[in-house]
Amino acid sequence: MGSAAPRIDGRLLGLIVAPSVVLLAAIPLASTQVPPPPGTRSVQMIDEGVVVLREPRMGAKRRGLVKIGTRLPLCRRVMGDGCETGFWAQVGPDAFICERFVQMSREAPAGTPQPVVRSGELLPHSYAFVRVDGTRAFLQPSDYDADEYTEAYGSGFGLAITDRVHYSGVDFVKTVKGFYVAEDSVRYVRGLDFAGVQIAAGAALDVAWVVREGAQVRDAAGRRAVRRAPRLEELHIAGDARPGWLRLADGSTISARDVARPSVSAPPDTVTGAATGERWIDVDVASQTLVAYEGTRPVFTTLVSTGRATREHATPVGTFRIWIKLATTDMDDLEREDVERNYAIQAVPWVQFFEASNGFHAAFWHRDFGHRHSHGCVNLSPRDARFLFDFTRPALPPGWTAILPTDRDKGTVVRVRDPSARSRPATARGATATPRPAER
């Protein structure tokens, strides 16, 4: 996705880091304390998508969203403004919930990491794309024969599937929105089972990947072809063989044009450097690679797909901080009238926006990593998107579906650079602005 951004529910513009054990001394007294019922250990969410605010008052900046059923630690119970009950539950630093949306619990804090991915699966759902314009979605399978449909989808719309149902001779898929679509009107997709490389302490950043199918690998002298390398094969580079050619660890050689090769880069000024080991991300548009760092040490690298090389779709170059993380979010451009065909994709997972509507997320609809492909976002394979989501700050606690940084829990620094060409300038954004629908 990219330059025009995902549509995000306004409730998502705020979150919290909710540790299972909270040091009360680190949490300043925000308002008059009120004792909770005896034996209370946590507060349980009784609504879906409960909003956490940074202060005990309606209208305060938001910190996040929490899934129904999650139990968060009760640090304090305080009086505040705007909540019908008059009381707010403090569930962590800069984190308050109106008691209208929770119930007191004697049980320990508990929550399920989001998004939920079943063992052995790459993605939180099955995903399918609509084959034909006007494909109809029904509130119940029984509405199919009467053609009493609720929505109609355009060709290429992406659906997140939660179930399959057979009714009256017809197979249906059920979407995350609760609608039913005839299964023969969609085509399933599966994300690419590709993953980047974790780099051990002290190890060299010598990895590269083949980005042209059937790339020719030659002998040490470069005279004889020894094999053809498949796209995305992982290579280890020993050095330069001759101008335009790289020497592999086994002594053979390959054209530098046929591989994507990350390189070590110094931290931007906003990163304090090796002394603290602050985590940050470097995206090289020219090589279509990403390197994750702790201070000056590279710890992970992979292939990406950044925005296409057009003024409208190029990924913005500059240094940013992650301003929101979402377990999943819908992405569409349905409000745009200046495009030939609109798109929509449900429940795109592991989303991290760092500049307006540009960010990292899993892309399961293409396998073009190592080449520009998106409309501005940095596309990652499902495994890499999940790894990077866990790597960055702020962390998404169990049970949370979205989180925003604060001054004391800042978003991870992201630098995007393009040594090969001038790119469109980045625009400034504030952490509370609502992004426009993003494109894939």
Protein backbone atom coordinates (compact mmCIF):
# COMPACT_ATOMS: atom_id res chain seq x y z
CA MET A 1 0.00 0.00 0.00
CA GLY A 2 1.16 3.50 -0.06
CA SER A 3 0.72 7.03 -1.21
CA ALA A 4 -3.00 7.32 -0.69
CA ALA A 5 -3.42 5.58 2.68
CA PRO A 6 -5.49 3.01 4.50
CA ARG A 7 -8.76 4.11 5.93
CA ILE A 8 -8.25 3.91 9.68
CA ASP A 9 -11.03 3.96 12.24
CA GLY A 10 -10.66 7.12 14.31
CA ARG A 11 -10.52 4.98 17.46
CA LEU A 12 -7.13 3.67 16.31
CA LEU A 13 -5.42 6.97 16.91
CA GLY A 14 -4.18 6.06 20.39
CA LEU A 15 -2.62 3.16 22.44
CA ILE A 16 -0.67 1.84 25.45
CA VAL A 17 2.16 -0.30 26.54
CA ALA A 18 0.54 -2.37 29.27
CA PRO A 19 3.13 -4.47 31.11
CA SER A 20 1.88 -7.33 33.24
CA VAL A 21 3.79 -5.87 36.17
CA VAL A 22 3.70 -2.10 36.64
CA LEU A 23 5.85 -0.10 39.04
CA LEU A 24 3.37 2.23 40.65
CA ALA A 25 6.09 4.67 41.63
CA ALA A 26 6.72 5.31 37.93
CA ILE A 27 3.10 6.38 37.37
CA PRO A 28 2.33 9.92 38.48
CA LEU A 29 -0.91 10.47 40.35
CA ALA A 30 -3.30 11.87 37.77
CA SER A 31 -6.38 12.49 39.90
CA THR A 32 -8.11 11.58 43.15
CA GLN A 33 -7.69 7.87 43.87
CA VAL A 34 -10.68 5.67 44.70
CA PRO A 35 -10.16 2.16 46.12
CA PRO A 36 -11.32 -0.67 43.81
CA PRO A 37 -13.43 -3.56 45.13
CA PRO A 38 -11.38 -5.83 47.43
CA GLY A 39 -9.41 -8.50 45.57
CA THR A 40 -9.43 -6.69 42.23
CA ARG A 41 -6.35 -7.58 40.15
CA SER A 42 -7.31 -6.46 36.66
CA VAL A 43 -9.98 -4.85 34.51
CA GLN A 44 -11.62 -6.83 31.72
CA MET A 45 -12.74 -5.23 28.43
CA ILE A 46 -16.47 -5.68 27.87
CA ASP A 47 -16.58 -3.92 24.48
CA GLU A 48 -14.67 -4.58 21.28
CA GLY A 49 -11.96 -2.03 20.52
CA VAL A 50 -11.90 -0.29 23.92
CA VAL A 51 -10.04 3.02 23.66
CA VAL A 52 -7.17 3.80 26.03
CA LEU A 53 -6.46 7.49 26.64
CA ARG A 54 -3.32 9.15 27.97
CA GLU A 55 -5.20 11.02 30.69
CA PRO A 56 -8.36 10.30 32.74
CA ARG A 57 -10.61 12.60 30.75
CA MET A 58 -12.59 12.42 27.54
CA GLY A 59 -10.86 14.28 24.75
CA ALA A 60 -7.36 13.33 25.92
CA LYS A 61 -4.87 12.02 23.39
CA ARG A 62 -5.29 8.38 22.58
CA ARG A 63 -2.85 5.61 23.34
CA GLY A 64 -4.53 2.57 21.85
CA LEU A 65 -7.24 -0.02 21.31
CA VAL A 66 -7.82 -3.24 23.24
CA LYS A 67 -9.75 -6.33 22.21
CA ILE A 68 -12.85 -7.48 24.08
CA GLY A 69 -12.14 -10.01 26.84
CA THR A 70 -8.59 -8.80 27.47
CA ARG A 71 -7.69 -8.22 31.11
CA LEU A 72 -5.28 -5.38 31.85
CA PRO A 73 -3.51 -4.71 35.17
CA LEU A 74 -5.33 -2.27 37.43
CA CYS A 75 -2.71 0.15 38.70
CA ARG A 76 -5.05 2.76 40.15
CA ARG A 77 -8.68 3.73 40.08
CA VAL A 78 -9.10 7.49 39.77
CA MET A 79 -11.78 10.12 39.34
CA GLY A 80 -11.82 11.98 36.06
CA ASP A 81 -13.90 13.92 33.58
CA GLY A 82 -16.27 12.75 30.86
CA CYS A 83 -16.81 9.14 31.90
CA GLU A 84 -20.41 8.36 32.82
CA THR A 85 -19.37 6.37 35.88
CA GLY A 86 -17.05 9.14 37.06
CA PHE A 87 -14.16 6.67 37.43
CA TRP A 88 -11.18 5.73 35.30
CA ALA A 89 -8.99 2.65 35.48
CA GLN A 90 -5.29 3.34 35.11
CA VAL A 91 -3.76 0.34 33.37
CA GLY A 92 -0.20 1.57 32.84
CA PRO A 93 1.89 4.70 32.30
CA ASP A 94 -0.12 7.28 30.33
CA ALA A 95 -2.97 4.79 30.02
CA PHE A 96 -6.53 5.26 31.28
CA ILE A 97 -9.85 3.59 30.42
CA CYS A 98 -13.33 4.84 31.27
CA GLU A 99 -14.86 2.26 33.63
CA ARG A 100 -17.99 2.14 31.50
CA PHE A 101 -16.09 -0.17 29.12
CA VAL A 102 -14.58 -2.55 31.68
CA GLN A 103 -15.48 -4.71 34.62
CA MET A 104 -13.37 -5.35 37.70
CA SER A 105 -11.82 -8.81 37.86
CA ARG A 106 -10.10 -10.90 40.51
CA GLU A 107 -8.18 -12.74 37.80
CA ALA A 108 -4.64 -11.96 36.70
CA PRO A 109 -4.04 -9.77 33.64
CA ALA A 110 -4.20 -11.79 30.39
CA GLY A 111 -4.49 -11.18 26.66
CA THR A 112 -3.90 -12.88 23.34
CA PRO A 113 -1.19 -11.46 21.06
CA GLN A 114 -2.71 -9.80 18.00
CA PRO A 115 -3.19 -10.64 15.23
CA VAL A 116 -3.84 -14.29 16.02
CA VAL A 117 -1.94 -16.62 13.67
CA ARG A 118 -2.57 -20.35 13.89
CA SER A 119 0.41 -22.64 14.23
CA GLY A 120 1.97 -23.39 10.87
CA GLU A 121 0.22 -20.51 9.10
CA LEU A 122 1.81 -17.41 7.56
CA LEU A 123 -1.16 -15.06 7.96
CA PRO A 124 -3.96 -14.42 10.45
CA HIS A 125 -6.65 -15.29 7.88
CA SER A 126 -7.13 -16.95 4.55
CA TYR A 127 -7.27 -14.27 1.87
CA ALA A 128 -9.04 -14.22 -1.49
CA PHE A 129 -9.59 -11.72 -4.29
CA VAL A 130 -12.86 -11.12 -6.10
CA ARG A 131 -12.84 -12.39 -9.68
CA VAL A 132 -15.67 -10.39 -11.27
CA ASP A 133 -16.99 -6.85 -10.85
CA GLY A 134 -20.26 -6.73 -8.99
CA THR A 135 -19.70 -9.88 -6.93
CA ARG A 136 -22.38 -9.86 -4.26
CA ALA A 137 -22.08 -10.30 -0.51
CA PHE A 138 -24.99 -11.58 1.58
CA LEU A 139 -25.88 -11.18 5.21
CA GLN A 140 -26.88 -14.87 5.30
CA PRO A 141 -26.35 -17.71 2.80
CA SER A 142 -30.15 -18.05 2.62
CA ASP A 143 -30.30 -14.60 0.96
CA TYR A 144 -28.43 -15.93 -2.08
CA ASP A 145 -31.40 -17.44 -3.94
CA ALA A 146 -33.48 -14.29 -3.47
CA ASP A 147 -30.46 -12.15 -4.51
CA GLU A 148 -30.96 -9.98 -1.42
CA TYR A 149 -27.39 -8.77 -1.20
CA THR A 150 -25.84 -6.32 1.26
CA GLU A 151 -22.76 -5.21 -0.65
CA ALA A 152 -21.21 -5.61 -4.10
CA TYR A 153 -17.47 -5.89 -4.62
CA GLY A 154 -15.33 -4.87 -7.54
CA SER A 155 -12.90 -7.14 -9.32
CA GLY A 156 -9.67 -7.42 -7.34
CA PHE A 157 -11.17 -6.55 -3.96
CA GLY A 158 -9.38 -8.49 -1.24
CA LEU A 159 -11.40 -10.42 1.34
CA ALA A 160 -10.19 -11.86 4.64
CA ILE A 161 -11.87 -15.22 5.11
CA THR A 162 -12.87 -16.61 8.51
CA ASP A 163 -14.99 -19.62 7.51
CA ARG A 164 -16.38 -21.75 4.67
CA VAL A 165 -20.06 -22.76 4.62
CA HIS A 166 -22.05 -25.07 2.35
CA TYR A 167 -25.71 -24.11 2.00
CA SER A 168 -28.36 -25.32 -0.42
CA GLY A 169 -25.82 -26.68 -2.89
CA VAL A 170 -23.60 -23.59 -2.88
CA ASP A 171 -20.22 -23.12 -1.19
CA PHE A 172 -19.74 -19.77 0.54
CA VAL A 173 -16.86 -18.01 2.26
CA LYS A 174 -17.51 -15.85 5.32
CA THR A 175 -15.51 -12.63 5.58
CA VAL A 176 -14.21 -10.82 8.66
CA LYS A 177 -17.09 -8.39 8.15
CA GLY A 178 -19.58 -11.23 8.66
CA PHE A 179 -20.81 -11.34 5.05
CA TYR A 180 -21.08 -14.41 2.81
CA VAL A 181 -19.75 -14.59 -0.75
CA ALA A 182 -20.08 -17.47 -3.21
CA GLU A 183 -16.73 -19.26 -3.14
CA ASP A 184 -16.56 -19.72 -6.92
CA SER A 185 -16.47 -15.91 -7.29
CA VAL A 186 -13.11 -15.54 -5.53
CA ARG A 187 -9.55 -16.77 -6.00
CA TYR A 188 -7.39 -17.60 -3.00
CA VAL A 189 -3.91 -16.17 -2.50
CA ARG A 190 -1.13 -17.21 -0.16
CA GLY A 191 1.73 -15.04 0.96
CA LEU A 192 5.25 -15.87 -0.15
CA ASP A 193 7.06 -18.10 2.33
CA PHE A 194 10.22 -15.99 2.26
CA ALA A 195 12.17 -14.62 5.21
CA GLY A 196 15.13 -12.33 5.66
CA VAL A 197 18.31 -13.13 7.57
CA GLN A 198 19.15 -12.48 11.21
CA ILE A 199 22.77 -11.41 11.60
CA ALA A 200 24.77 -12.78 14.51
CA ALA A 201 26.87 -10.44 16.65
CA GLY A 202 30.21 -9.88 14.97
CA ALA A 203 29.11 -11.43 11.66
CA ALA A 204 29.56 -9.55 8.40
CA LEU A 205 26.62 -8.26 6.39
CA ASP A 206 27.53 -10.43 3.39
CA VAL A 207 24.08 -11.63 2.32
CA ALA A 208 22.42 -10.91 -1.03
CA TRP A 209 19.50 -12.32 -2.99
CA VAL A 210 18.99 -13.21 -6.64
CA VAL A 211 16.34 -10.90 -8.13
CA ARG A 212 16.33 -12.18 -11.72
CA GLU A 213 14.97 -15.63 -12.45
CA GLY A 214 17.60 -17.92 -13.91
CA ALA A 215 20.50 -15.55 -13.24
CA GLN A 216 23.75 -16.99 -14.56
CA VAL A 217 26.38 -18.05 -12.03
CA ARG A 218 29.85 -18.34 -13.58
CA ASP A 219 33.14 -19.86 -12.55
CA ALA A 220 35.82 -17.87 -10.72
CA ALA A 221 37.31 -16.58 -13.97
CA GLY A 222 33.91 -15.64 -15.36
CA ARG A 223 34.41 -17.71 -18.52
CA ARG A 224 32.00 -20.58 -17.97
CA ALA A 225 28.43 -20.73 -16.70
CA VAL A 226 28.15 -23.29 -13.90
CA ARG A 227 24.44 -23.00 -13.10
CA ARG A 228 21.31 -20.87 -13.19
CA ALA A 229 20.14 -19.39 -9.89
CA PRO A 230 16.44 -19.18 -9.02
CA ARG A 231 14.95 -15.85 -7.99
CA LEU A 232 15.20 -15.10 -4.25
CA GLU A 233 18.06 -17.56 -3.72
CA GLU A 234 20.12 -16.41 -0.74
CA LEU A 235 23.78 -15.80 -1.55
CA HIS A 236 26.81 -14.89 0.54
CA ILE A 237 29.18 -12.40 -1.03
CA ALA A 238 32.94 -12.77 -0.52
CA GLY A 239 33.83 -9.56 -2.38
CA ASP A 240 34.16 -7.99 -5.83
CA ALA A 241 35.41 -10.31 -8.58
CA ARG A 242 35.83 -7.70 -11.31
CA PRO A 243 33.92 -4.58 -12.36
CA GLY A 244 30.19 -5.37 -12.22
CA TRP A 245 30.68 -8.89 -10.88
CA LEU A 246 30.57 -10.30 -7.34
CA ARG A 247 32.48 -13.24 -5.93
CA LEU A 248 30.38 -15.73 -3.95
CA ALA A 249 31.53 -17.63 -0.87
CA ASP A 250 32.14 -20.77 -2.96
CA GLY A 251 34.38 -18.91 -5.40
CA SER A 252 31.89 -18.63 -8.26
CA THR A 253 30.79 -15.23 -9.60
CA ILE A 254 27.52 -13.50 -10.47
CA SER A 255 26.60 -10.21 -12.12
CA ALA A 256 25.90 -7.46 -9.59
CA ARG A 257 22.85 -6.53 -11.68
CA ASP A 258 21.21 -9.86 -10.89
CA VAL A 259 21.27 -9.49 -7.11
CA ALA A 260 19.95 -7.19 -4.40
CA ARG A 261 22.68 -6.55 -1.86
CA PRO A 262 22.21 -4.60 1.38
CA SER A 263 25.02 -2.47 2.77
CA VAL A 264 25.96 -1.16 6.20
CA SER A 265 24.98 2.45 6.86
CA ALA A 266 25.73 4.86 9.71
CA PRO A 267 22.80 5.83 11.96
CA PRO A 268 20.96 9.10 11.33
CA ASP A 269 21.41 11.91 13.85
CA THR A 270 18.15 11.03 15.58
CA VAL A 271 19.63 7.69 16.69
CA THR A 272 22.00 7.95 19.64
CA GLY A 273 24.30 5.24 18.28
CA ALA A 274 26.18 2.20 19.48
CA ALA A 275 26.39 3.22 23.13
CA THR A 276 22.67 2.71 23.73
CA GLY A 277 21.91 0.12 21.07
CA GLU A 278 18.78 2.00 20.04
CA ARG A 279 16.86 0.10 17.39
CA TRP A 280 16.25 1.70 14.00
CA ILE A 281 15.41 0.70 10.43
CA ASP A 282 17.22 1.60 7.20
CA VAL A 283 15.44 1.19 3.84
CA ASP A 284 17.55 1.47 0.68
CA VAL A 285 15.26 2.16 -2.25
CA ALA A 286 18.06 1.68 -4.80
CA SER A 287 18.81 -1.89 -3.71
CA GLN A 288 15.27 -2.69 -2.49
CA THR A 289 16.67 -3.93 0.81
CA LEU A 290 16.04 -3.23 4.47
CA VAL A 291 18.48 -3.48 7.38
CA ALA A 292 17.41 -3.38 11.03
CA TYR A 293 19.99 -2.11 13.51
CA GLU A 294 20.73 -1.96 17.19
CA GLY A 295 22.91 1.12 17.40
CA THR A 296 25.53 0.63 14.69
CA ARG A 297 25.19 -3.16 14.55
CA PRO A 298 23.03 -4.70 11.81
CA VAL A 299 20.85 -7.47 13.25
CA PHE A 300 18.45 -8.30 10.41
CA THR A 301 18.19 -7.75 6.68
CA THR A 302 15.69 -8.61 3.97
CA LEU A 303 14.22 -7.72 0.58
CA VAL A 304 11.37 -5.22 0.25
CA SER A 305 9.16 -3.69 -2.42
CA THR A 306 8.97 0.08 -2.12
CA GLY A 307 6.86 2.45 -4.17
CA ARG A 308 7.02 2.51 -7.92
CA ALA A 309 9.40 5.00 -9.53
CA THR A 310 6.81 7.69 -10.23
CA ARG A 311 6.26 11.01 -8.55
CA GLU A 312 2.86 9.89 -7.24
CA HIS A 313 3.91 6.48 -5.92
CA ALA A 314 7.55 6.79 -4.84
CA THR A 315 8.19 5.97 -1.18
CA PRO A 316 9.09 9.24 0.59
CA VAL A 317 12.76 9.68 1.40
CA GLY A 318 13.80 10.99 4.81
CA THR A 319 14.06 10.13 8.48
CA PHE A 320 10.84 9.44 10.39
CA ARG A 321 9.49 7.68 13.47
CA ILE A 322 6.76 5.07 13.54
CA TRP A 323 3.62 6.93 14.55
CA ILE A 324 1.13 4.07 14.81
CA LYS A 325 1.17 0.25 14.79
CA LEU A 326 -1.91 -1.80 13.89
CA ALA A 327 -2.34 -5.56 14.21
CA THR A 328 -4.50 -5.38 11.08
CA THR A 329 -6.27 -2.67 9.15
CA ASP A 330 -8.43 -2.42 6.04
CA MET A 331 -6.90 -0.61 3.09
CA ASP A 332 -8.84 0.96 0.23
CA ASP A 333 -9.10 3.93 -2.11
CA LEU A 334 -12.86 3.82 -2.53
CA GLU A 335 -13.25 7.58 -2.14
CA ARG A 336 -10.99 8.30 -5.12
CA GLU A 337 -12.64 9.20 -8.43
CA ASP A 338 -9.44 9.90 -10.36
CA VAL A 339 -8.46 6.25 -10.85
CA GLU A 340 -9.64 3.77 -13.45
CA ARG A 341 -10.40 1.08 -10.87
CA ASN A 342 -10.67 1.22 -7.09
CA TYR A 343 -9.36 -1.40 -4.72
CA ALA A 344 -9.96 -2.61 -1.18
CA ILE A 345 -8.24 -5.23 0.96
CA GLN A 346 -9.52 -6.38 4.33
CA ALA A 347 -7.39 -6.98 7.43
CA VAL A 348 -3.91 -6.32 6.08
CA PRO A 349 -1.62 -7.49 8.92
CA TRP A 350 1.39 -6.06 10.79
CA VAL A 351 0.99 -2.44 9.71
CA GLN A 352 3.41 0.27 10.89
CA PHE A 353 3.01 3.79 9.50
CA PHE A 354 6.04 6.03 9.67
CA GLU A 355 5.15 8.90 7.31
CA ALA A 356 1.52 9.81 6.79
CA SER A 357 -0.02 6.73 5.12
CA ASN A 358 3.32 5.24 4.13
CA GLY A 359 4.59 2.37 6.22
CA PHE A 360 5.54 -1.27 6.55
CA HIS A 361 3.02 -4.07 6.15
CA ALA A 362 2.72 -7.63 4.93
CA ALA A 363 1.99 -8.01 1.22
CA PHE A 364 0.49 -11.40 0.34
CA TRP A 365 -0.83 -10.44 -3.10
CA HIS A 366 2.51 -10.34 -4.93
CA ARG A 367 5.92 -12.05 -4.93
CA ASP A 368 7.95 -9.23 -6.43
CA PHE A 369 10.20 -8.50 -3.44
CA GLY A 370 13.48 -7.00 -4.56
CA HIS A 371 11.68 -4.78 -7.09
CA ARG A 372 9.61 -1.61 -6.74
CA HIS A 373 5.96 -2.57 -6.68
CA SER A 374 3.81 -0.56 -4.25
CA HIS A 375 2.05 2.80 -4.30
CA GLY A 376 4.33 4.16 -1.57
CA CYS A 377 4.39 1.70 1.31
CA VAL A 378 7.26 -0.67 2.03
CA ASN A 379 5.89 -4.13 1.26
CA LEU A 380 7.30 -7.08 3.22
CA SER A 381 6.76 -10.82 3.09
CA PRO A 382 4.44 -12.05 5.87
CA ARG A 383 7.31 -13.51 7.91
CA ASP A 384 9.38 -10.33 7.61
CA ALA A 385 6.43 -8.04 8.41
CA ARG A 386 5.74 -10.04 11.56
CA PHE A 387 9.40 -10.00 12.63
CA LEU A 388 9.73 -6.26 12.08
CA PHE A 389 6.45 -5.59 13.90
CA ASP A 390 7.84 -7.32 16.99
CA PHE A 391 11.23 -5.61 16.60
CA THR A 392 10.05 -2.00 16.67
CA ARG A 393 8.72 0.32 19.36
CA PRO A 394 6.24 0.83 20.79
CA ALA A 395 5.58 -2.83 21.51
CA LEU A 396 2.02 -4.10 21.02
CA PRO A 397 1.04 -5.82 24.29
CA PRO A 398 -1.14 -8.97 24.26
CA GLY A 399 -4.76 -8.12 23.66
CA TRP A 400 -4.01 -4.77 22.04
CA THR A 401 -4.92 -4.24 18.38
CA ALA A 402 -3.23 -0.86 17.88
CA ILE A 403 -0.75 1.38 19.68
CA LEU A 404 0.58 4.93 19.44
CA PRO A 405 3.91 6.12 20.84
CA THR A 406 4.35 8.69 23.60
CA ASP A 407 7.21 10.98 24.59
CA ARG A 408 8.56 8.32 26.91
CA ASP A 409 7.85 5.39 24.58
CA LYS A 410 8.85 6.77 21.19
CA GLY A 411 8.31 5.10 17.87
CA THR A 412 11.31 3.46 16.22
CA VAL A 413 13.34 5.60 13.82
CA VAL A 414 12.93 4.73 10.12
CA ARG A 415 15.24 6.14 7.48
CA VAL A 416 14.40 5.77 3.80
CA ARG A 417 17.17 6.68 1.36
CA ASP A 418 17.52 6.45 -2.40
CA PRO A 419 21.12 6.87 -3.54
CA SER A 420 20.16 6.26 -7.16
CA ALA A 421 17.74 9.10 -7.80
CA ARG A 422 16.00 12.14 -6.45
CA SER A 423 12.70 11.20 -4.81
CA ARG A 424 9.69 13.23 -3.90
CA PRO A 425 10.18 15.07 -0.60
CA ALA A 426 8.58 13.74 2.53
CA THR A 427 5.77 15.69 4.12
CA ALA A 428 5.61 16.32 7.82
CA ARG A 429 2.93 14.58 9.82
CA GLY A 430 1.60 14.76 13.29
CA ALA A 431 0.79 11.65 15.30
CA THR A 432 -2.91 12.49 15.49
CA ALA A 433 -3.67 13.16 11.82
CA THR A 434 -5.97 10.67 10.09
CA PRO A 435 -4.36 9.11 7.00
CA ARG A 436 -6.12 8.85 3.67
CA PRO A 437 -6.87 5.41 2.20
CA ALA A 438 -3.64 3.70 1.11
CA GLU A 439 -2.93 1.86 -2.10
CA ARG A 440 -1.16 -1.43 -2.49
